[in-house]
Protein backbone atom coordinates (compact mmCIF):
# COMPACT_ATOMS: atom_id res chain seq x y z
CA VAL A 1 5.97 2.67 -5.09
CA MET A 2 3.64 0.07 -6.57
CA PHE A 3 1.31 0.25 -3.56
CA LYS A 4 1.08 4.04 -3.84
CA GLN A 5 0.25 3.80 -7.55
CA LYS A 6 -2.46 1.20 -6.97
CA THR A 7 -4.13 3.07 -4.09
CA SER A 8 -4.19 6.65 -5.43
CA LEU A 9 -6.13 8.31 -8.22
CA PRO A 10 -4.26 9.15 -11.42
CA GLU A 11 -4.02 12.79 -12.44
CA LEU A 12 -7.33 13.83 -13.96
CA PRO A 13 -8.22 17.02 -15.81
CA PRO A 14 -9.47 19.77 -13.49
CA GLY A 15 -13.21 20.35 -13.51
CA LEU A 16 -14.10 16.75 -14.32
CA PRO A 17 -17.51 16.28 -12.64
CA VAL A 18 -17.40 12.49 -12.25
CA ILE A 19 -14.48 10.08 -11.99
CA PRO A 20 -14.76 7.50 -14.79
CA ASP A 21 -14.98 3.85 -13.70
CA SER A 22 -11.76 3.11 -15.57
CA GLN A 23 -9.91 5.64 -13.36
CA LYS A 24 -11.25 4.59 -9.94
CA VAL A 25 -8.90 3.03 -7.41
CA GLU A 26 -9.05 -0.74 -7.05
CA TYR A 27 -7.18 -1.02 -3.75
CA LYS A 28 -7.20 0.62 -0.31
CA LEU A 29 -3.96 1.15 1.60
CA ILE A 30 -4.19 -0.49 5.04
CA THR A 31 -0.70 0.17 6.44
CA ARG A 32 1.05 3.38 5.44
CA LYS A 33 4.47 2.20 6.63
CA PRO A 34 5.74 -1.38 6.46
CA ILE A 35 5.45 -3.52 9.58
CA VAL A 36 8.89 -4.74 10.63
CA PRO A 37 9.74 -7.55 13.05
CA SER A 38 10.40 -6.80 16.70
CA ASP A 39 13.87 -7.13 18.23
CA ASP A 40 12.67 -10.26 20.04
CA GLU A 41 11.59 -11.85 16.74
CA ILE A 42 14.95 -11.03 15.15
CA THR A 43 16.76 -12.56 18.14
CA HIS A 44 14.82 -15.82 17.75
CA ASN A 45 14.76 -15.80 13.93
CA ASN A 46 17.77 -14.10 12.33
CA ARG A 47 16.27 -14.26 8.82
CA ALA A 48 13.42 -11.99 9.95
CA HIS A 49 15.66 -8.89 9.99
CA SER A 50 14.91 -8.16 6.32
CA ALA A 51 11.15 -8.83 6.49
CA LYS A 52 8.74 -5.96 5.80
CA LEU A 53 4.98 -6.49 5.71
CA ARG A 54 2.89 -4.14 3.57
CA ILE A 55 -0.90 -4.46 3.33
CA ILE A 56 -3.46 -3.32 0.75
CA GLU A 57 -7.09 -4.39 0.43
CA LYS A 58 -8.86 -5.02 -2.87
CA LEU A 59 -12.13 -3.08 -3.10
């Protein structure tokens, strides 16, 4: 949820000609879904089963 909030524009009034600098997005979403470990990784490292990698990039 936090990644979606940081990478999308807030609701702005319709007809606004220019997006104010204070409302522009600061981050770009790199991976839409989390990257999870492969079955091979989980076999070799049991603690990896709960790992989820999410990526955003600061603009």
